[in-house]
Amino acid sequence: MPNLDDYIPDALEDSPQAATVKNLNRRNWLKMSGLGALAAAGGGAGVYYYSRIPLLYFDGKYARATTYHPPVLHQLVAIANQLVDKPYKWGGGHQQLFDNGFDCSGSISHILYRTGLLTKPLNSKGFAGYGDSGAGRYVSIFVKPGNHVFMSVCGLRFDTSGNQTGEGPRWRATARSSSGFINRHPRGL
């Protein structure tokens, strides 16, 4: 198995002080705005994430797990980082594990499969029955069957929906509406 540090971009190799400042700034933003991995789902869940689970480091493009996160989360984040900047491609990631572009469910399938949390690619309808119901401790998957799927990892959204049409999978610091989405999570996470 490859060393996960090989997947961490040089841009993330900041000093501990700089990383702490970035994390604190992000935490303050999340706290003030009431957003977070689960805040969009309602019920003050964002406060739970803010107060109980360490957030990922984020430099605006790539994420990195901290020493407080379990090893599987380090692997999941490193694999997700490999998809950043891949183009959006309808059906991408379903027929080929290493595709030249990914759609929403293809990108989430790719990440979960390579992390060992999924046995085959799923479309958005398939994700409606994936894992366990409700929000996860570290990872939450938001599913609108037949329409869209995105993932939140420790307060940071991984999604193909962004500011520009045709954008592929990216980490996104902004929350999005979860209206009409159901929440699932990988068992144990």
Protein backbone atom coordinates (compact mmCIF):
# COMPACT_ATOMS: atom_id res chain seq x y z
CA MET A 1 0.00 0.00 0.00
CA PRO A 2 1.42 3.43 -0.92
CA ASN A 3 2.43 5.90 1.77
CA LEU A 4 -0.44 8.36 2.25
CA ASP A 5 2.02 11.22 2.68
CA ASP A 6 2.85 10.78 -1.02
CA TYR A 7 -0.64 12.07 -1.83
CA ILE A 8 -0.39 15.24 0.23
CA PRO A 9 0.49 18.15 -2.05
CA ASP A 10 3.52 20.29 -1.19
CA ALA A 11 1.17 23.25 -0.76
CA LEU A 12 -0.18 21.63 2.42
CA GLU A 13 3.20 21.23 4.07
CA ASP A 14 2.81 24.33 6.22
CA SER A 15 4.24 24.83 9.63
CA PRO A 16 2.06 23.57 12.51
CA GLN A 17 1.41 27.18 13.50
CA ALA A 18 0.15 28.12 10.03
CA ALA A 19 -2.02 25.01 9.84
CA THR A 20 -3.49 25.79 13.26
CA VAL A 21 -4.33 29.34 12.19
CA LYS A 22 -6.05 28.05 9.03
CA ASN A 23 -8.02 25.51 11.03
CA LEU A 24 -9.02 28.06 13.68
CA ASN A 25 -10.10 30.58 11.04
CA ARG A 26 -12.22 27.92 9.36
CA ARG A 27 -13.67 26.80 12.71
CA ASN A 28 -14.59 30.38 13.59
CA TRP A 29 -16.25 30.85 10.19
CA LEU A 30 -18.22 27.63 10.65
CA LYS A 31 -19.22 28.56 14.18
CA MET A 32 -20.31 32.08 13.25
CA SER A 33 -22.24 30.99 10.20
CA GLY A 34 -23.78 27.90 11.82
CA LEU A 35 -22.58 25.87 8.84
CA GLY A 36 -20.61 22.68 8.68
CA ALA A 37 -20.87 19.14 7.47
CA LEU A 38 -24.25 18.65 9.02
CA ALA A 39 -25.56 22.12 9.73
CA ALA A 40 -27.32 22.10 6.39
CA ALA A 41 -29.22 19.04 7.61
CA GLY A 42 -30.59 21.12 10.49
CA GLY A 43 -30.97 20.43 14.17
CA GLY A 44 -27.74 22.09 15.31
CA ALA A 45 -25.70 19.23 13.94
CA GLY A 46 -23.04 21.70 12.77
CA VAL A 47 -22.37 22.57 16.40
CA TYR A 48 -21.82 18.87 17.08
CA TYR A 49 -19.20 18.73 14.32
CA TYR A 50 -17.63 21.96 15.49
CA SER A 51 -17.35 20.95 19.10
CA ARG A 52 -16.62 17.21 18.90
CA ILE A 53 -14.82 16.37 15.67
CA PRO A 54 -11.62 18.05 14.47
CA LEU A 55 -12.03 19.69 11.08
CA LEU A 56 -9.80 18.92 8.15
CA TYR A 57 -6.99 21.28 7.20
CA PHE A 58 -7.89 23.02 3.95
CA ASP A 59 -5.73 25.31 1.81
CA GLY A 60 -8.52 26.26 -0.58
CA LYS A 61 -7.81 23.35 -2.94
CA TYR A 62 -6.64 20.29 -1.01
CA ALA A 63 -7.66 18.87 2.36
CA ARG A 64 -5.60 17.01 4.92
CA ALA A 65 -6.65 15.02 7.97
CA THR A 66 -5.05 15.72 11.33
CA THR A 67 -3.43 13.37 13.82
CA TYR A 68 -6.79 13.28 15.61
CA HIS A 69 -8.51 11.54 12.69
CA PRO A 70 -8.53 7.75 12.22
CA PRO A 71 -6.21 6.25 9.55
CA VAL A 72 -9.10 5.40 7.20
CA LEU A 73 -10.00 9.09 7.10
CA HIS A 74 -6.43 10.00 6.10
CA GLN A 75 -6.72 7.52 3.24
CA LEU A 76 -10.17 8.79 2.19
CA VAL A 77 -8.98 12.41 2.11
CA ALA A 78 -5.79 11.53 0.20
CA ILE A 79 -7.81 9.68 -2.44
CA ALA A 80 -10.30 12.55 -2.73
CA ASN A 81 -7.37 14.95 -3.24
CA GLN A 82 -6.36 12.92 -6.30
CA LEU A 83 -9.70 13.76 -7.95
CA VAL A 84 -9.46 17.51 -7.39
CA ASP A 85 -9.34 19.32 -10.75
CA LYS A 86 -10.59 16.32 -12.73
CA PRO A 87 -13.30 17.49 -15.13
CA TYR A 88 -16.97 16.70 -14.76
CA LYS A 89 -17.92 13.78 -16.99
CA TRP A 90 -21.43 12.33 -16.99
CA GLY A 91 -21.09 8.64 -16.09
CA GLY A 92 -17.42 9.14 -15.22
CA GLY A 93 -16.07 6.80 -12.57
CA HIS A 94 -18.70 4.11 -13.05
CA GLN A 95 -17.17 1.89 -15.77
CA GLN A 96 -13.51 2.64 -15.03
CA LEU A 97 -11.97 3.07 -11.59
CA PHE A 98 -9.37 5.52 -12.94
CA ASP A 99 -11.37 7.61 -15.39
CA ASN A 100 -10.43 10.92 -17.04
CA GLY A 101 -13.45 12.65 -15.47
CA PHE A 102 -16.10 11.99 -12.83
CA ASP A 103 -19.74 12.74 -12.16
CA CYS A 104 -21.12 13.22 -8.65
CA SER A 105 -21.79 9.58 -7.78
CA GLY A 106 -18.74 8.39 -9.72
CA SER A 107 -16.40 10.54 -7.66
CA ILE A 108 -17.92 9.47 -4.33
CA SER A 109 -17.93 5.82 -5.49
CA HIS A 110 -14.26 6.08 -6.51
CA ILE A 111 -13.23 7.47 -3.13
CA LEU A 112 -15.24 5.00 -1.05
CA TYR A 113 -14.23 2.01 -3.20
CA ARG A 114 -10.51 2.79 -3.01
CA THR A 115 -10.82 3.37 0.73
CA GLY A 116 -12.42 -0.08 1.12
CA LEU A 117 -15.83 1.29 2.13
CA LEU A 118 -17.70 0.27 -1.03
CA THR A 119 -17.62 -2.91 -3.15
CA LYS A 120 -18.85 -1.49 -6.48
CA PRO A 121 -19.71 1.91 -7.98
CA LEU A 122 -23.16 3.28 -7.14
CA ASN A 123 -25.31 5.87 -8.83
CA SER A 124 -27.31 8.39 -6.81
CA LYS A 125 -30.23 5.94 -6.49
CA GLY A 126 -27.86 3.26 -5.19
CA PHE A 127 -26.44 5.62 -2.58
CA ALA A 128 -29.94 5.97 -1.08
CA GLY A 129 -29.44 2.53 0.50
CA TYR A 130 -25.69 2.75 1.17
CA GLY A 131 -24.20 2.26 4.64
CA ASP A 132 -26.21 3.43 7.60
CA SER A 133 -29.00 5.98 7.81
CA GLY A 134 -28.34 9.44 9.18
CA ALA A 135 -25.28 11.58 9.67
CA GLY A 136 -21.93 9.97 10.32
CA ARG A 137 -19.41 10.97 12.92
CA TYR A 138 -16.77 11.88 10.32
CA VAL A 139 -18.36 11.27 6.92
CA SER A 140 -21.88 12.10 5.77
CA ILE A 141 -23.22 11.40 2.31
CA PHE A 142 -26.10 13.56 1.09
CA VAL A 143 -28.25 11.80 -1.50
CA LYS A 144 -31.08 12.99 -3.71
CA PRO A 145 -31.93 9.68 -5.45
CA GLY A 146 -31.83 9.98 -9.22
CA ASN A 147 -30.44 13.51 -9.03
CA HIS A 148 -27.27 14.20 -7.03
CA VAL A 149 -24.93 12.97 -4.30
CA PHE A 150 -22.19 14.78 -2.38
CA MET A 151 -20.12 14.04 0.68
CA SER A 152 -19.11 15.99 3.75
CA VAL A 153 -15.95 14.98 5.59
CA CYS A 154 -15.42 16.60 9.00
CA GLY A 155 -17.10 19.81 7.93
CA LEU A 156 -15.67 20.07 4.41
CA ARG A 157 -17.87 19.33 1.40
CA PHE A 158 -16.64 17.21 -1.53
CA ASP A 159 -18.93 17.85 -4.48
CA THR A 160 -19.14 18.30 -8.25
CA SER A 161 -21.57 21.22 -7.87
CA GLY A 162 -19.79 24.51 -7.68
CA ASN A 163 -19.69 27.99 -9.05
CA GLN A 164 -19.10 27.08 -12.68
CA THR A 165 -20.91 24.71 -15.02
CA GLY A 166 -18.84 21.65 -15.80
CA GLU A 167 -16.67 21.79 -12.70
CA GLY A 168 -15.67 18.36 -11.54
CA PRO A 169 -15.05 17.06 -8.03
CA ARG A 170 -13.63 19.59 -5.59
CA TRP A 171 -13.38 20.28 -1.88
CA ARG A 172 -15.68 23.18 -1.09
CA ALA A 173 -15.66 25.23 2.09
CA THR A 174 -19.18 26.54 1.55
CA ALA A 175 -22.26 24.62 2.58
CA ARG A 176 -25.10 23.92 0.20
CA SER A 177 -28.78 23.30 0.77
CA SER A 178 -29.64 19.77 1.81
CA SER A 179 -33.33 20.24 1.06
CA GLY A 180 -34.64 17.04 -0.54
CA PHE A 181 -31.49 15.05 0.31
CA ILE A 182 -31.34 12.04 2.58
CA ASN A 183 -28.34 11.45 4.79
CA ARG A 184 -26.26 8.24 4.81
CA HIS A 185 -22.85 7.36 6.14
CA PRO A 186 -20.27 4.56 5.93
CA ARG A 187 -20.60 2.15 8.85
CA GLY A 188 -18.31 3.21 11.67
CA LEU A 189 -17.55 6.63 10.27
